[in-house]
Amino acid sequence: MSARHPQSTAGDAPDSAGCWCTTESWACPTGEIVVLRVHGEIDLRTRPTVQAALTAALSRRPHHLVVDVADVTFCCVRGFALLADTGTTAAAHGTGYAICGLSPRLERYATMLWSDK
């Protein structure tokens, strides 16, 4: 896949709980690809920050949305639910959806929570 003219949006500074998101997007022949990078912890206090970033990314109606969690140090169960629910919403809008960068520990938790997905 060849990326053309990446566009970056600097995320907000870390909130008081230490979570922020950044986005990059690329135009490609099939539509826009948006990569949302989440940094810090996803917990009950920071979940609204991540939810707002996911909602903003999906509102662009991209062809693909990739959520990069390589810099996430902690994710609560409701954070995992938010990521899973976003996949359902993306599918309803015809947007491809992927989560990448799960650390081995977070991947283990995700597998325990959703072994069927």
PDB file of N, CA and C in Angstrom:
ATOM      1  N   MET A   1       0.855  -1.163   0.000  1.00  0.00           N
ATOM      2  CA  MET A   1       0.000   0.000   0.000  1.00  0.00           C
ATOM      3  C   MET A   1       0.897   1.221   0.000  1.00  0.00           C
ATOM      4  N   SER A   2       0.637   2.096  -0.866  1.00  0.00           N
ATOM      5  CA  SER A   2       1.418   3.312  -0.994  1.00  0.00           C
ATOM      6  C   SER A   2       0.661   4.471  -0.380  1.00  0.00           C
ATOM      7  N   ALA A   3       1.289   5.121   0.558  1.00  0.00           N
ATOM      8  CA  ALA A   3       0.647   6.253   1.232  1.00  0.00           C
ATOM      9  C   ALA A   3       0.961   7.526   0.478  1.00  0.00           C
ATOM     10  N   ARG A   4      -0.025   8.349   0.286  1.00  0.00           N
ATOM     11  CA  ARG A   4       0.166   9.636  -0.376  1.00  0.00           C
ATOM     12  C   ARG A   4      -0.284  10.746   0.538  1.00  0.00           C
ATOM     13  N   HIS A   5       0.555  11.739   0.668  1.00  0.00           N
ATOM     14  CA  HIS A   5       0.239  12.943   1.419  1.00  0.00           C
ATOM     15  C   HIS A   5      -0.312  12.653   2.810  1.00  0.00           C
ATOM     16  N   PRO A   6       0.537  12.092   3.677  1.00  0.00           N
ATOM     17  CA  PRO A   6       0.025  11.876   5.030  1.00  0.00           C
ATOM     18  C   PRO A   6      -0.325  13.193   5.688  1.00  0.00           C
ATOM     19  N   GLN A   7      -1.395  13.185   6.425  1.00  0.00           N
ATOM     20  CA  GLN A   7      -1.821  14.362   7.172  1.00  0.00           C
ATOM     21  C   GLN A   7      -1.800  13.984   8.644  1.00  0.00           C
ATOM     22  N   SER A   8      -1.144  14.787   9.444  1.00  0.00           N
ATOM     23  CA  SER A   8      -1.063  14.510  10.873  1.00  0.00           C
ATOM     24  C   SER A   8      -1.869  15.526  11.645  1.00  0.00           C
ATOM     25  N   THR A   9      -2.436  15.076  12.714  1.00  0.00           N
ATOM     26  CA  THR A   9      -3.116  15.957  13.649  1.00  0.00           C
ATOM     27  C   THR A   9      -2.497  15.707  15.006  1.00  0.00           C
ATOM     28  N   ALA A  10      -1.854  16.695  15.534  1.00  0.00           N
ATOM     29  CA  ALA A  10      -1.263  16.523  16.858  1.00  0.00           C
ATOM     30  C   ALA A  10      -2.380  16.370  17.870  1.00  0.00           C
ATOM     31  N   GLY A  11      -2.207  15.443  18.754  1.00  0.00           N
ATOM     32  CA  GLY A  11      -3.219  15.222  19.774  1.00  0.00           C
ATOM     33  C   GLY A  11      -3.094  16.248  20.876  1.00  0.00           C
ATOM     34  N   ASP A  12      -4.036  16.210  21.749  1.00  0.00           N
ATOM     35  CA  ASP A  12      -3.992  17.079  22.909  1.00  0.00           C
ATOM     36  C   ASP A  12      -2.833  16.658  23.792  1.00  0.00           C
ATOM     37  N   ALA A  13      -2.402  17.554  24.617  1.00  0.00           N
ATOM     38  CA  ALA A  13      -1.397  17.209  25.605  1.00  0.00           C
ATOM     39  C   ALA A  13      -1.997  16.163  26.533  1.00  0.00           C
ATOM     40  N   PRO A  14      -1.154  15.362  27.178  1.00  0.00           N
ATOM     41  CA  PRO A  14      -1.699  14.353  28.087  1.00  0.00           C
ATOM     42  C   PRO A  14      -2.664  14.977  29.092  1.00  0.00           C
ATOM     43  N   ASP A  15      -3.778  14.279  29.322  1.00  0.00           N
ATOM     44  CA  ASP A  15      -4.716  14.786  30.311  1.00  0.00           C
ATOM     45  C   ASP A  15      -4.171  14.484  31.706  1.00  0.00           C
ATOM     46  N   SER A  16      -4.901  14.825  32.707  1.00  0.00           N
ATOM     47  CA  SER A  16      -4.402  14.672  34.078  1.00  0.00           C
ATOM     48  C   SER A  16      -4.096  13.221  34.425  1.00  0.00           C
ATOM     49  N   ALA A  17      -4.718  12.289  33.737  1.00  0.00           N
ATOM     50  CA  ALA A  17      -4.465  10.880  34.022  1.00  0.00           C
ATOM     51  C   ALA A  17      -3.421  10.294  33.089  1.00  0.00           C
ATOM     52  N   GLY A  18      -2.918  11.088  32.136  1.00  0.00           N
ATOM     53  CA  GLY A  18      -1.847  10.615  31.279  1.00  0.00           C
ATOM     54  C   GLY A  18      -2.283   9.859  30.044  1.00  0.00           C
ATOM     55  N   CYS A  19      -3.301  10.315  29.350  1.00  0.00           N
ATOM     56  CA  CYS A  19      -3.743   9.675  28.118  1.00  0.00           C
ATOM     57  C   CYS A  19      -3.959  10.737  27.056  1.00  0.00           C
ATOM     58  N   TRP A  20      -3.475  10.457  25.843  1.00  0.00           N
ATOM     59  CA  TRP A  20      -3.739  11.348  24.733  1.00  0.00           C
ATOM     60  C   TRP A  20      -3.715  10.540  23.446  1.00  0.00           C
ATOM     61  N   CYS A  21      -4.267  11.124  22.395  1.00  0.00           N
ATOM     62  CA  CYS A  21      -4.371  10.442  21.106  1.00  0.00           C
ATOM     63  C   CYS A  21      -3.834  11.347  20.010  1.00  0.00           C
ATOM     64  N   THR A  22      -3.231  10.727  19.009  1.00  0.00           N
ATOM     65  CA  THR A  22      -2.804  11.449  17.819  1.00  0.00           C
ATOM     66  C   THR A  22      -3.349  10.708  16.609  1.00  0.00           C
ATOM     67  N   THR A  23      -3.563  11.428  15.525  1.00  0.00           N
ATOM     68  CA  THR A  23      -4.055  10.779  14.316  1.00  0.00           C
ATOM     69  C   THR A  23      -3.199  11.165  13.123  1.00  0.00           C
ATOM     70  N   GLU A  24      -3.150  10.249  12.188  1.00  0.00           N
ATOM     71  CA  GLU A  24      -2.551  10.489  10.882  1.00  0.00           C
ATOM     72  C   GLU A  24      -3.525   9.936   9.863  1.00  0.00           C
ATOM     73  N   SER A  25      -3.545  10.533   8.702  1.00  0.00           N
ATOM     74  CA  SER A  25      -4.420  10.003   7.665  1.00  0.00           C
ATOM     75  C   SER A  25      -3.722  10.075   6.321  1.00  0.00           C
ATOM     76  N   TRP A  26      -4.119   9.158   5.459  1.00  0.00           N
ATOM     77  CA  TRP A  26      -3.579   9.089   4.116  1.00  0.00           C
ATOM     78  C   TRP A  26      -4.726   8.925   3.139  1.00  0.00           C
ATOM     79  N   ALA A  27      -4.607   9.597   2.035  1.00  0.00           N
ATOM     80  CA  ALA A  27      -5.563   9.403   0.952  1.00  0.00           C
ATOM     81  C   ALA A  27      -5.027   8.278   0.076  1.00  0.00           C
ATOM     82  N   CYS A  28      -5.894   7.353  -0.274  1.00  0.00           N
ATOM     83  CA  CYS A  28      -5.518   6.274  -1.177  1.00  0.00           C
ATOM     84  C   CYS A  28      -6.656   6.102  -2.178  1.00  0.00           C
ATOM     85  N   PRO A  29      -6.441   5.332  -3.230  1.00  0.00           N
ATOM     86  CA  PRO A  29      -7.475   5.203  -4.265  1.00  0.00           C
ATOM     87  C   PRO A  29      -8.831   4.731  -3.750  1.00  0.00           C
ATOM     88  N   THR A  30      -8.839   3.944  -2.676  1.00  0.00           N
ATOM     89  CA  THR A  30     -10.123   3.427  -2.179  1.00  0.00           C
ATOM     90  C   THR A  30     -10.758   4.319  -1.126  1.00  0.00           C
ATOM     91  N   GLY A  31     -10.042   5.329  -0.653  1.00  0.00           N
ATOM     92  CA  GLY A  31     -10.566   6.224   0.369  1.00  0.00           C
ATOM     93  C   GLY A  31      -9.502   6.556   1.401  1.00  0.00           C
ATOM     94  N   GLU A  32      -9.918   7.193   2.454  1.00  0.00           N
ATOM     95  CA  GLU A  32      -8.986   7.628   3.482  1.00  0.00           C
ATOM     96  C   GLU A  32      -8.658   6.492   4.458  1.00  0.00           C
ATOM     97  N   ILE A  33      -7.404   6.456   4.879  1.00  0.00           N
ATOM     98  CA  ILE A  33      -6.969   5.551   5.936  1.00  0.00           C
ATOM     99  C   ILE A  33      -6.582   6.419   7.120  1.00  0.00           C
ATOM    100  N   VAL A  34      -7.184   6.163   8.267  1.00  0.00           N
ATOM    101  CA  VAL A  34      -6.891   6.925   9.481  1.00  0.00           C
ATOM    102  C   VAL A  34      -6.220   5.990  10.485  1.00  0.00           C
ATOM    103  N   VAL A  35      -5.091   6.449  11.019  1.00  0.00           N
ATOM    104  CA  VAL A  35      -4.412   5.729  12.095  1.00  0.00           C
ATOM    105  C   VAL A  35      -4.532   6.585  13.343  1.00  0.00           C
ATOM    106  N   LEU A  36      -5.160   6.032  14.358  1.00  0.00           N
ATOM    107  CA  LEU A  36      -5.322   6.703  15.643  1.00  0.00           C
ATOM    108  C   LEU A  36      -4.378   6.033  16.630  1.00  0.00           C
ATOM    109  N   ARG A  37      -3.430   6.800  17.136  1.00  0.00           N
ATOM    110  CA  ARG A  37      -2.477   6.277  18.112  1.00  0.00           C
ATOM    111  C   ARG A  37      -2.893   6.731  19.510  1.00  0.00           C
ATOM    112  N   VAL A  38      -3.022   5.760  20.392  1.00  0.00           N
ATOM    113  CA  VAL A  38      -3.404   6.044  21.775  1.00  0.00           C
ATOM    114  C   VAL A  38      -2.155   5.889  22.635  1.00  0.00           C
ATOM    115  N   HIS A  39      -1.934   6.859  23.512  1.00  0.00           N
ATOM    116  CA  HIS A  39      -0.753   6.875  24.369  1.00  0.00           C
ATOM    117  C   HIS A  39      -1.187   6.943  25.828  1.00  0.00           C
ATOM    118  N   GLY A  40      -0.530   6.171  26.684  1.00  0.00           N
ATOM    119  CA  GLY A  40      -0.811   6.238  28.115  1.00  0.00           C
ATOM    120  C   GLY A  40      -1.743   5.137  28.578  1.00  0.00           C
ATOM    121  N   GLU A  41      -2.580   5.461  29.547  1.00  0.00           N
ATOM    122  CA  GLU A  41      -3.484   4.490  30.149  1.00  0.00           C
ATOM    123  C   GLU A  41      -4.931   4.729  29.716  1.00  0.00           C
ATOM    124  N   ILE A  42      -5.632   3.632  29.452  1.00  0.00           N
ATOM    125  CA  ILE A  42      -7.070   3.711  29.192  1.00  0.00           C
ATOM    126  C   ILE A  42      -7.758   3.151  30.431  1.00  0.00           C
ATOM    127  N   ASP A  43      -8.326   4.051  31.220  1.00  0.00           N
ATOM    128  CA  ASP A  43      -9.054   3.641  32.419  1.00  0.00           C
ATOM    129  C   ASP A  43     -10.360   4.437  32.471  1.00  0.00           C
ATOM    130  N   LEU A  44     -11.056   4.355  33.568  1.00  0.00           N
ATOM    131  CA  LEU A  44     -12.357   5.028  33.645  1.00  0.00           C
ATOM    132  C   LEU A  44     -12.240   6.536  33.487  1.00  0.00           C
ATOM    133  N   ARG A  45     -11.135   7.117  33.945  1.00  0.00           N
ATOM    134  CA  ARG A  45     -10.978   8.576  33.813  1.00  0.00           C
ATOM    135  C   ARG A  45     -10.578   8.987  32.406  1.00  0.00           C
ATOM    136  N   THR A  46      -9.827   8.154  31.701  1.00  0.00           N
ATOM    137  CA  THR A  46      -9.335   8.541  30.378  1.00  0.00           C
ATOM    138  C   THR A  46     -10.180   7.983  29.235  1.00  0.00           C
ATOM    139  N   ARG A  47     -11.086   7.073  29.544  1.00  0.00           N
ATOM    140  CA  ARG A  47     -11.933   6.476  28.499  1.00  0.00           C
ATOM    141  C   ARG A  47     -12.655   7.532  27.670  1.00  0.00           C
ATOM    142  N   PRO A  48     -13.188   8.602  28.268  1.00  0.00           N
ATOM    143  CA  PRO A  48     -13.845   9.626  27.446  1.00  0.00           C
ATOM    144  C   PRO A  48     -12.905  10.282  26.430  1.00  0.00           C
ATOM    145  N   THR A  49     -11.639  10.424  26.772  1.00  0.00           N
ATOM    146  CA  THR A  49     -10.658  10.987  25.838  1.00  0.00           C
ATOM    147  C   THR A  49     -10.515  10.080  24.620  1.00  0.00           C
ATOM    148  N   VAL A  50     -10.382   8.791  24.879  1.00  0.00           N
ATOM    149  CA  VAL A  50     -10.228   7.820  23.793  1.00  0.00           C
ATOM    150  C   VAL A  50     -11.524   7.719  22.991  1.00  0.00           C
ATOM    151  N   GLN A  51     -12.654   7.717  23.677  1.00  0.00           N
ATOM    152  CA  GLN A  51     -13.940   7.631  22.990  1.00  0.00           C
ATOM    153  C   GLN A  51     -14.148   8.827  22.065  1.00  0.00           C
ATOM    154  N   ALA A  52     -13.796  10.018  22.526  1.00  0.00           N
ATOM    155  CA  ALA A  52     -13.935  11.218  21.684  1.00  0.00           C
ATOM    156  C   ALA A  52     -13.035  11.119  20.448  1.00  0.00           C
ATOM    157  N   ALA A  53     -11.829  10.611  20.625  1.00  0.00           N
ATOM    158  CA  ALA A  53     -10.914  10.467  19.485  1.00  0.00           C
ATOM    159  C   ALA A  53     -11.421   9.430  18.492  1.00  0.00           C
ATOM    160  N   LEU A  54     -11.957   8.320  19.000  1.00  0.00           N
ATOM    161  CA  LEU A  54     -12.517   7.296  18.117  1.00  0.00           C
ATOM    162  C   LEU A  54     -13.739   7.816  17.365  1.00  0.00           C
ATOM    163  N   THR A  55     -14.596   8.531  18.066  1.00  0.00           N
ATOM    164  CA  THR A  55     -15.791   9.100  17.442  1.00  0.00           C
ATOM    165  C   THR A  55     -15.407  10.099  16.355  1.00  0.00           C
ATOM    166  N   ALA A  56     -14.426  10.936  16.640  1.00  0.00           N
ATOM    167  CA  ALA A  56     -13.971  11.917  15.645  1.00  0.00           C
ATOM    168  C   ALA A  56     -13.380  11.217  14.422  1.00  0.00           C
ATOM    169  N   ALA A  57     -12.607  10.161  14.656  1.00  0.00           N
ATOM    170  CA  ALA A  57     -12.016   9.432  13.531  1.00  0.00           C
ATOM    171  C   ALA A  57     -13.095   8.770  12.680  1.00  0.00           C
ATOM    172  N   LEU A  58     -14.079   8.147  13.310  1.00  0.00           N
ATOM    173  CA  LEU A  58     -15.154   7.499  12.554  1.00  0.00           C
ATOM    174  C   LEU A  58     -16.062   8.498  11.851  1.00  0.00           C
ATOM    175  N   SER A  59     -16.194   9.697  12.412  1.00  0.00           N
ATOM    176  CA  SER A  59     -17.058  10.698  11.784  1.00  0.00           C
ATOM    177  C   SER A  59     -16.508  11.148  10.435  1.00  0.00           C
ATOM    178  N   ARG A  60     -15.247  10.893  10.200  1.00  0.00           N
ATOM    179  CA  ARG A  60     -14.630  11.219   8.905  1.00  0.00           C
ATOM    180  C   ARG A  60     -15.012  10.195   7.833  1.00  0.00           C
ATOM    181  N   ARG A  61     -15.653   9.111   8.252  1.00  0.00           N
ATOM    182  CA  ARG A  61     -16.066   8.027   7.352  1.00  0.00           C
ATOM    183  C   ARG A  61     -14.887   7.510   6.522  1.00  0.00           C
ATOM    184  N   PRO A  62     -13.789   7.131   7.202  1.00  0.00           N
ATOM    185  CA  PRO A  62     -12.634   6.636   6.447  1.00  0.00           C
ATOM    186  C   PRO A  62     -12.906   5.252   5.873  1.00  0.00           C
ATOM    187  N   HIS A  63     -12.113   4.865   4.909  1.00  0.00           N
ATOM    188  CA  HIS A  63     -12.212   3.526   4.358  1.00  0.00           C
ATOM    189  C   HIS A  63     -11.697   2.520   5.385  1.00  0.00           C
ATOM    190  N   HIS A  64     -10.623   2.878   6.080  1.00  0.00           N
ATOM    191  CA  HIS A  64     -10.051   2.043   7.136  1.00  0.00           C
ATOM    192  C   HIS A  64      -9.722   2.895   8.352  1.00  0.00           C
ATOM    193  N   LEU A  65      -9.922   2.340   9.532  1.00  0.00           N
ATOM    194  CA  LEU A  65      -9.497   2.944  10.782  1.00  0.00           C
ATOM    195  C   LEU A  65      -8.615   1.932  11.497  1.00  0.00           C
ATOM    196  N   VAL A  66      -7.383   2.337  11.776  1.00  0.00           N
ATOM    197  CA  VAL A  66      -6.439   1.496  12.508  1.00  0.00           C
ATOM    198  C   VAL A  66      -6.175   2.172  13.846  1.00  0.00           C
ATOM    199  N   VAL A  67      -6.375   1.448  14.930  1.00  0.00           N
ATOM    200  CA  VAL A  67      -6.110   1.971  16.268  1.00  0.00           C
ATOM    201  C   VAL A  67      -4.817   1.325  16.763  1.00  0.00           C
ATOM    202  N   ASP A  68      -3.793   2.155  16.928  1.00  0.00           N
ATOM    203  CA  ASP A  68      -2.478   1.697  17.364  1.00  0.00           C
ATOM    204  C   ASP A  68      -2.367   1.900  18.869  1.00  0.00           C
ATOM    205  N   VAL A  69      -2.265   0.810  19.601  1.00  0.00           N
ATOM    206  CA  VAL A  69      -2.189   0.873  21.063  1.00  0.00           C
ATOM    207  C   VAL A  69      -0.810   0.472  21.580  1.00  0.00           C
ATOM    208  N   ALA A  70       0.203   0.590  20.741  1.00  0.00           N
ATOM    209  CA  ALA A  70       1.561   0.196  21.132  1.00  0.00           C
ATOM    210  C   ALA A  70       2.061   0.994  22.333  1.00  0.00           C
ATOM    211  N   ASP A  71       1.591   2.227  22.490  1.00  0.00           N
ATOM    212  CA  ASP A  71       2.031   3.066  23.605  1.00  0.00           C
ATOM    213  C   ASP A  71       1.043   3.078  24.770  1.00  0.00           C
ATOM    214  N   VAL A  72       0.109   2.129  24.773  1.00  0.00           N
ATOM    215  CA  VAL A  72      -0.837   2.016  25.896  1.00  0.00           C
ATOM    216  C   VAL A  72      -0.188   1.140  26.967  1.00  0.00           C
ATOM    217  N   THR A  73      -0.108   1.670  28.173  1.00  0.00           N
ATOM    218  CA  THR A  73       0.526   0.943  29.270  1.00  0.00           C
ATOM    219  C   THR A  73      -0.472   0.176  30.131  1.00  0.00           C
ATOM    220  N   PHE A  74      -1.747   0.551  30.051  1.00  0.00           N
ATOM    221  CA  PHE A  74      -2.793  -0.114  30.820  1.00  0.00           C
ATOM    222  C   PHE A  74      -4.109   0.086  30.092  1.00  0.00           C
ATOM    223  N   CYS A  75      -4.962  -0.939  30.131  1.00  0.00           N
ATOM    224  CA  CYS A  75      -6.298  -0.817  29.548  1.00  0.00           C
ATOM    225  C   CYS A  75      -7.272  -1.581  30.431  1.00  0.00           C
ATOM    226  N   CYS A  76      -8.264  -0.868  30.952  1.00  0.00           N
ATOM    227  CA  CYS A  76      -9.273  -1.511  31.796  1.00  0.00           C
ATOM    228  C   CYS A  76     -10.268  -2.274  30.916  1.00  0.00           C
ATOM    229  N   VAL A  77     -11.107  -3.066  31.550  1.00  0.00           N
ATOM    230  CA  VAL A  77     -12.097  -3.861  30.822  1.00  0.00           C
ATOM    231  C   VAL A  77     -13.006  -2.953  29.990  1.00  0.00           C
ATOM    232  N   ARG A  78     -13.417  -1.832  30.547  1.00  0.00           N
ATOM    233  CA  ARG A  78     -14.287  -0.926  29.782  1.00  0.00           C
ATOM    234  C   ARG A  78     -13.539  -0.305  28.613  1.00  0.00           C
ATOM    235  N   GLY A  79     -12.245  -0.151  28.732  1.00  0.00           N
ATOM    236  CA  GLY A  79     -11.443   0.317  27.603  1.00  0.00           C
ATOM    237  C   GLY A  79     -11.436  -0.707  26.485  1.00  0.00           C
ATOM    238  N   PHE A  80     -11.260  -1.997  26.856  1.00  0.00           N
ATOM    239  CA  PHE A  80     -11.334  -3.060  25.859  1.00  0.00           C
ATOM    240  C   PHE A  80     -12.718  -3.105  25.222  1.00  0.00           C
ATOM    241  N   ALA A  81     -13.755  -2.914  26.022  1.00  0.00           N
ATOM    242  CA  ALA A  81     -15.120  -2.905  25.486  1.00  0.00           C
ATOM    243  C   ALA A  81     -15.296  -1.760  24.496  1.00  0.00           C
ATOM    244  N   LEU A  82     -14.730  -0.604  24.809  1.00  0.00           N
ATOM    245  CA  LEU A  82     -14.807   0.538  23.895  1.00  0.00           C
ATOM    246  C   LEU A  82     -14.150   0.203  22.564  1.00  0.00           C
ATOM    247  N   LEU A  83     -12.989  -0.416  22.605  1.00  0.00           N
ATOM    248  CA  LEU A  83     -12.300  -0.788  21.367  1.00  0.00           C
ATOM    249  C   LEU A  83     -13.117  -1.806  20.569  1.00  0.00           C
ATOM    250  N   ALA A  84     -13.707  -2.776  21.263  1.00  0.00           N
ATOM    251  CA  ALA A  84     -14.526  -3.782  20.588  1.00  0.00           C
ATOM    252  C   ALA A  84     -15.798  -3.158  20.005  1.00  0.00           C
ATOM    253  N   ASP A  85     -16.457  -2.307  20.779  1.00  0.00           N
ATOM    254  CA  ASP A  85     -17.684  -1.655  20.302  1.00  0.00           C
ATOM    255  C   ASP A  85     -17.413  -0.758  19.100  1.00  0.00           C
ATOM    256  N   THR A  86     -16.242  -0.140  19.087  1.00  0.00           N
ATOM    257  CA  THR A  86     -15.878   0.709  17.947  1.00  0.00           C
ATOM    258  C   THR A  86     -15.770  -0.129  16.679  1.00  0.00           C
ATOM    259  N   GLY A  87     -15.287  -1.355  16.811  1.00  0.00           N
ATOM    260  CA  GLY A  87     -15.230  -2.249  15.655  1.00  0.00           C
ATOM    261  C   GLY A  87     -16.606  -2.536  15.097  1.00  0.00           C
ATOM    262  N   THR A  88     -17.575  -2.715  15.970  1.00  0.00           N
ATOM    263  CA  THR A  88     -18.963  -2.955  15.542  1.00  0.00           C
ATOM    264  C   THR A  88     -19.517  -1.717  14.845  1.00  0.00           C
ATOM    265  N   THR A  89     -19.264  -0.554  15.417  1.00  0.00           N
ATOM    266  CA  THR A  89     -19.730   0.701  14.810  1.00  0.00           C
ATOM    267  C   THR A  89     -19.073   0.918  13.456  1.00  0.00           C
ATOM    268  N   ALA A  90     -17.778   0.666  13.378  1.00  0.00           N
ATOM    269  CA  ALA A  90     -17.060   0.832  12.115  1.00  0.00           C
ATOM    270  C   ALA A  90     -17.659  -0.071  11.036  1.00  0.00           C
ATOM    271  N   ALA A  91     -17.926  -1.319  11.387  1.00  0.00           N
ATOM    272  CA  ALA A  91     -18.505  -2.257  10.425  1.00  0.00           C
ATOM    273  C   ALA A  91     -19.861  -1.775   9.930  1.00  0.00           C
ATOM    274  N   ALA A  92     -20.659  -1.209  10.826  1.00  0.00           N
ATOM    275  CA  ALA A  92     -21.972  -0.700  10.437  1.00  0.00           C
ATOM    276  C   ALA A  92     -21.855   0.456   9.442  1.00  0.00           C
ATOM    277  N   HIS A  93     -20.747   1.187   9.500  1.00  0.00           N
ATOM    278  CA  HIS A  93     -20.516   2.309   8.582  1.00  0.00           C
ATOM    279  C   HIS A  93     -19.738   1.886   7.340  1.00  0.00           C
ATOM    280  N   GLY A  94     -19.385   0.610   7.249  1.00  0.00           N
ATOM    281  CA  GLY A  94     -18.615   0.138   6.104  1.00  0.00           C
ATOM    282  C   GLY A  94     -17.136   0.494   6.188  1.00  0.00           C
ATOM    283  N   THR A  95     -16.661   0.738   7.392  1.00  0.00           N
ATOM    284  CA  THR A  95     -15.257   1.095   7.604  1.00  0.00           C
ATOM    285  C   THR A  95     -14.489  -0.125   8.082  1.00  0.00           C
ATOM    286  N   GLY A  96     -13.370  -0.420   7.433  1.00  0.00           N
ATOM    287  CA  GLY A  96     -12.494  -1.484   7.912  1.00  0.00           C
ATOM    288  C   GLY A  96     -11.885  -1.045   9.238  1.00  0.00           C
ATOM    289  N   TYR A  97     -11.666  -1.983  10.153  1.00  0.00           N
ATOM    290  CA  TYR A  97     -11.212  -1.635  11.496  1.00  0.00           C
ATOM    291  C   TYR A  97     -10.182  -2.644  11.960  1.00  0.00           C
ATOM    292  N   ALA A  98      -9.114  -2.139  12.549  1.00  0.00           N
ATOM    293  CA  ALA A  98      -8.087  -3.016  13.103  1.00  0.00           C
ATOM    294  C   ALA A  98      -7.463  -2.358  14.320  1.00  0.00           C
ATOM    295  N   ILE A  99      -7.055  -3.192  15.249  1.00  0.00           N
ATOM    296  CA  ILE A  99      -6.290  -2.750  16.407  1.00  0.00           C
ATOM    297  C   ILE A  99      -4.909  -3.363  16.254  1.00  0.00           C
ATOM    298  N   CYS A 100      -3.876  -2.551  16.409  1.00  0.00           N
ATOM    299  CA  CYS A 100      -2.524  -3.075  16.297  1.00  0.00           C
ATOM    300  C   CYS A 100      -1.685  -2.602  17.479  1.00  0.00           C
ATOM    301  N   GLY A 101      -0.577  -3.278  17.694  1.00  0.00           N
ATOM    302  CA  GLY A 101       0.367  -2.861  18.708  1.00  0.00           C
ATOM    303  C   GLY A 101       0.059  -3.326  20.112  1.00  0.00           C
ATOM    304  N   LEU A 102      -0.829  -4.303  20.264  1.00  0.00           N
ATOM    305  CA  LEU A 102      -1.116  -4.812  21.614  1.00  0.00           C
ATOM    306  C   LEU A 102       0.154  -5.429  22.197  1.00  0.00           C
ATOM    307  N   SER A 103       0.496  -5.026  23.405  1.00  0.00           N
ATOM    308  CA  SER A 103       1.627  -5.651  24.085  1.00  0.00           C
ATOM    309  C   SER A 103       1.232  -7.087  24.413  1.00  0.00           C
ATOM    310  N   PRO A 104       2.208  -7.956  24.665  1.00  0.00           N
ATOM    311  CA  PRO A 104       1.848  -9.342  25.004  1.00  0.00           C
ATOM    312  C   PRO A 104       0.882  -9.429  26.194  1.00  0.00           C
ATOM    313  N   ARG A 105       1.073  -8.572  27.179  1.00  0.00           N
ATOM    314  CA  ARG A 105       0.192  -8.603  28.349  1.00  0.00           C
ATOM    315  C   ARG A 105      -1.228  -8.177  27.978  1.00  0.00           C
ATOM    316  N   LEU A 106      -1.371  -7.060  27.221  1.00  0.00           N
ATOM    317  CA  LEU A 106      -2.709  -6.612  26.825  1.00  0.00           C
ATOM    318  C   LEU A 106      -3.359  -7.606  25.871  1.00  0.00           C
ATOM    319  N   GLU A 107      -2.571  -8.219  25.011  1.00  0.00           N
ATOM    320  CA  GLU A 107      -3.126  -9.220  24.101  1.00  0.00           C
ATOM    321  C   GLU A 107      -3.650 -10.426  24.877  1.00  0.00           C
ATOM    322  N   ARG A 108      -2.935 -10.806  25.924  1.00  0.00           N
ATOM    323  CA  ARG A 108      -3.380 -11.922  26.767  1.00  0.00           C
ATOM    324  C   ARG A 108      -4.714 -11.589  27.426  1.00  0.00           C
ATOM    325  N   TYR A 109      -4.843 -10.364  27.944  1.00  0.00           N
ATOM    326  CA  TYR A 109      -6.109  -9.950  28.554  1.00  0.00           C
ATOM    327  C   TYR A 109      -7.234  -9.922  27.526  1.00  0.00           C
ATOM    328  N   ALA A 110      -6.947  -9.388  26.365  1.00  0.00           N
ATOM    329  CA  ALA A 110      -7.970  -9.323  25.309  1.00  0.00           C
ATOM    330  C   ALA A 110      -8.429 -10.722  24.919  1.00  0.00           C
ATOM    331  N   THR A 111      -7.486 -11.647  24.831  1.00  0.00           N
ATOM    332  CA  THR A 111      -7.827 -13.025  24.483  1.00  0.00           C
ATOM    333  C   THR A 111      -8.683 -13.669  25.566  1.00  0.00           C
ATOM    334  N   MET A 112      -8.371 -13.390  26.823  1.00  0.00           N
ATOM    335  CA  MET A 112      -9.181 -13.942  27.913  1.00  0.00           C
ATOM    336  C   MET A 112     -10.602 -13.376  27.884  1.00  0.00           C
ATOM    337  N   LEU A 113     -10.717 -12.072  27.588  1.00  0.00           N
ATOM    338  CA  LEU A 113     -12.030 -11.443  27.583  1.00  0.00           C
ATOM    339  C   LEU A 113     -12.875 -11.842  26.386  1.00  0.00           C
ATOM    340  N   TRP A 114     -12.221 -11.951  25.224  1.00  0.00           N
ATOM    341  CA  TRP A 114     -12.955 -12.217  23.988  1.00  0.00           C
ATOM    342  C   TRP A 114     -12.268 -13.322  23.204  1.00  0.00           C
ATOM    343  N   SER A 115     -12.290 -14.503  23.735  1.00  0.00           N
ATOM    344  CA  SER A 115     -11.597 -15.620  23.087  1.00  0.00           C
ATOM    345  C   SER A 115     -12.234 -15.991  21.751  1.00  0.00           C
ATOM    346  N   ASP A 116     -13.464 -15.581  21.522  1.00  0.00           N
ATOM    347  CA  ASP A 116     -14.164 -15.920  20.280  1.00  0.00           C
ATOM    348  C   ASP A 116     -13.932 -14.903  19.170  1.00  0.00           C
ATOM    349  N   LYS A 117     -13.153 -13.821  19.436  1.00  0.00           N
ATOM    350  CA  LYS A 117     -12.958 -12.787  18.414  1.00  0.00           C
ATOM    351  C   LYS A 117     -11.516 -12.741  17.968  1.00  0.00           C
TER     352      LYS A 117
END
